Amino acid sequence: MDLEILNIASDTDNNRNLKNHTHFSKLKNSLCGDEIKIKLIIKDDKIVDFGYQGNSCIYCQASASLLSKISINTKKSKLNKLCDDAKLYFDDNFIIIEKKCLILKKLLKKKNISRKNCILLPFKTLKKIVSN
């Protein structure tokens, strides 16, 4: 187990129920059973607050934690592109990721390819919200 992944996942500042959310999405990984719920407050096409909860592995938790930090104060359109870019990274298209999101390189590594579905689950869940 990668200690860096454990450290990222242990940052649970946004692992909470957002009661006054304006948007909600929930997905389950049919391969492993990971489940994640994302609740957002969006104003003027910008994420103002982000809460996530779930029953998931350490890779999914780390991904949700990083994604929550990146998302706050970011426009929906930029996050929509980020979600697409994350998937492309694992599809061998290494165009990665704007300077603000260099932190994602801690997760989006070739050595984590076997956990691709776990890592991308929060991205897919967020994309359901920001692509509308």
Protein backbone atom coordinates (compact mmCIF):
# COMPACT_ATOMS: atom_id res chain seq x y z
CA MET A 1 0.00 0.00 0.00
CA ASP A 2 1.27 3.42 -0.97
CA LEU A 3 1.65 5.67 2.10
CA GLU A 4 0.99 8.75 -0.04
CA ILE A 5 -2.45 7.36 -0.96
CA LEU A 6 -3.17 6.70 2.73
CA ASN A 7 -2.19 10.26 3.63
CA ILE A 8 -4.41 11.72 0.92
CA ALA A 9 -7.38 9.57 1.96
CA SER A 10 -6.93 10.53 5.61
CA ASP A 11 -7.66 14.18 4.72
CA THR A 12 -11.38 14.02 5.40
CA ASP A 13 -12.25 17.73 5.60
CA ASN A 14 -14.93 17.38 2.91
CA ASN A 15 -16.05 13.86 3.83
CA ARG A 16 -19.37 15.07 5.20
CA ASN A 17 -23.05 15.37 4.52
CA LEU A 18 -23.87 18.71 2.91
CA LYS A 19 -27.42 19.37 4.07
CA ASN A 20 -28.21 22.47 1.99
CA HIS A 21 -26.90 21.01 -1.27
CA THR A 22 -28.20 22.18 -4.64
CA HIS A 23 -26.91 19.16 -6.59
CA PHE A 24 -26.48 15.47 -5.79
CA SER A 25 -25.10 12.40 -7.53
CA LYS A 26 -24.47 8.83 -6.43
CA LEU A 27 -22.67 5.98 -8.21
CA LYS A 28 -21.64 2.44 -7.40
CA ASN A 29 -18.77 0.50 -8.93
CA SER A 30 -20.28 -2.77 -10.09
CA LEU A 31 -16.86 -4.48 -10.09
CA CYS A 32 -15.89 -3.96 -6.46
CA GLY A 33 -18.93 -2.48 -4.72
CA ASP A 34 -17.42 0.95 -3.98
CA GLU A 35 -20.15 3.54 -3.59
CA ILE A 36 -19.84 7.33 -3.47
CA LYS A 37 -22.30 10.19 -2.97
CA ILE A 38 -21.36 13.74 -3.90
CA LYS A 39 -23.38 16.75 -2.79
CA LEU A 40 -22.57 20.22 -4.06
CA ILE A 41 -23.64 23.78 -3.58
CA ILE A 42 -23.38 25.53 -6.94
CA LYS A 43 -23.90 29.26 -7.45
CA ASP A 44 -23.34 31.06 -10.76
CA ASP A 45 -21.94 27.88 -12.35
CA LYS A 46 -19.25 27.65 -9.67
CA ILE A 47 -18.84 25.01 -6.95
CA VAL A 48 -19.15 26.81 -3.63
CA ASP A 49 -19.09 23.75 -1.37
CA PHE A 50 -18.44 20.03 -1.84
CA GLY A 51 -19.33 17.13 0.42
CA TYR A 52 -18.78 13.45 -0.26
CA GLN A 53 -19.61 10.25 1.57
CA GLY A 54 -19.33 6.62 0.71
CA ASN A 55 -18.41 3.07 1.43
CA SER A 56 -15.28 2.66 -0.63
CA CYS A 57 -11.67 1.59 -0.77
CA ILE A 58 -8.72 3.81 0.09
CA TYR A 59 -8.11 4.70 -3.58
CA CYS A 60 -11.65 5.93 -4.06
CA GLN A 61 -11.49 7.89 -0.79
CA ALA A 62 -8.20 9.51 -1.80
CA SER A 63 -9.62 10.42 -5.19
CA ALA A 64 -12.75 11.96 -3.64
CA SER A 65 -10.66 13.92 -1.16
CA LEU A 66 -8.41 15.43 -3.84
CA LEU A 67 -11.32 16.09 -6.16
CA SER A 68 -13.24 17.89 -3.43
CA LYS A 69 -10.30 20.22 -2.75
CA ILE A 70 -9.83 21.00 -6.44
CA SER A 71 -13.53 21.57 -7.06
CA ILE A 72 -14.30 24.27 -4.52
CA ASN A 73 -14.31 27.70 -6.20
CA THR A 74 -14.03 26.14 -9.66
CA LYS A 75 -16.45 26.52 -12.57
CA LYS A 76 -18.52 23.55 -13.68
CA SER A 77 -17.12 23.67 -17.22
CA LYS A 78 -13.54 23.37 -16.00
CA LEU A 79 -14.43 20.42 -13.78
CA ASN A 80 -16.27 18.75 -16.64
CA LYS A 81 -13.04 18.89 -18.68
CA LEU A 82 -10.98 17.67 -15.72
CA CYS A 83 -13.24 14.62 -15.37
CA ASP A 84 -12.71 13.83 -19.05
CA ASP A 85 -8.94 14.34 -18.76
CA ALA A 86 -8.68 11.98 -15.78
CA LYS A 87 -10.28 9.18 -17.80
CA LEU A 88 -8.03 9.91 -20.78
CA TYR A 89 -4.95 9.62 -18.61
CA PHE A 90 -5.68 6.01 -17.85
CA ASP A 91 -6.49 5.39 -21.52
CA ASP A 92 -2.81 6.07 -22.37
CA ASN A 93 -3.37 9.66 -23.39
CA PHE A 94 -0.99 11.42 -21.03
CA ILE A 95 -2.12 14.99 -21.64
CA ILE A 96 -2.38 15.75 -18.00
CA ILE A 97 -3.65 18.15 -16.22
CA GLU A 98 -3.56 21.85 -15.78
CA LYS A 99 -1.17 23.38 -13.25
CA LYS A 100 -3.86 23.74 -10.61
CA CYS A 101 -4.43 19.99 -10.76
CA LEU A 102 -0.87 18.73 -10.60
CA ILE A 103 -1.83 17.30 -7.22
CA LEU A 104 -3.82 14.63 -9.08
CA LYS A 105 -0.59 13.15 -10.38
CA LYS A 106 -0.24 11.57 -6.94
CA LEU A 107 -3.16 9.31 -7.89
CA LEU A 108 -3.13 9.19 -11.66
CA LYS A 109 -0.07 7.00 -12.04
CA LYS A 110 0.55 4.00 -14.24
CA LYS A 111 1.24 1.89 -11.15
CA ASN A 112 -2.37 2.50 -10.04
CA ILE A 113 -3.91 1.27 -13.30
CA SER A 114 -5.34 -1.80 -11.58
CA ARG A 115 -7.36 0.58 -9.37
CA LYS A 116 -8.52 2.74 -12.28
CA ASN A 117 -12.24 2.15 -11.63
CA CYS A 118 -11.86 2.98 -7.95
CA ILE A 119 -9.95 6.19 -8.65
CA LEU A 120 -12.29 7.35 -11.43
CA LEU A 121 -15.55 6.68 -9.53
CA PRO A 122 -15.61 10.14 -7.85
CA PHE A 123 -14.80 11.76 -11.21
CA LYS A 124 -17.69 9.93 -12.90
CA THR A 125 -20.01 10.89 -10.06
CA LEU A 126 -19.01 14.56 -10.27
CA LYS A 127 -19.31 14.51 -14.07
CA LYS A 128 -22.98 13.54 -13.79
CA ILE A 129 -23.51 16.91 -12.09
CA VAL A 130 -21.16 19.25 -13.95
CA SER A 131 -21.93 18.03 -17.46
CA ASN A 132 -25.50 19.39 -17.28
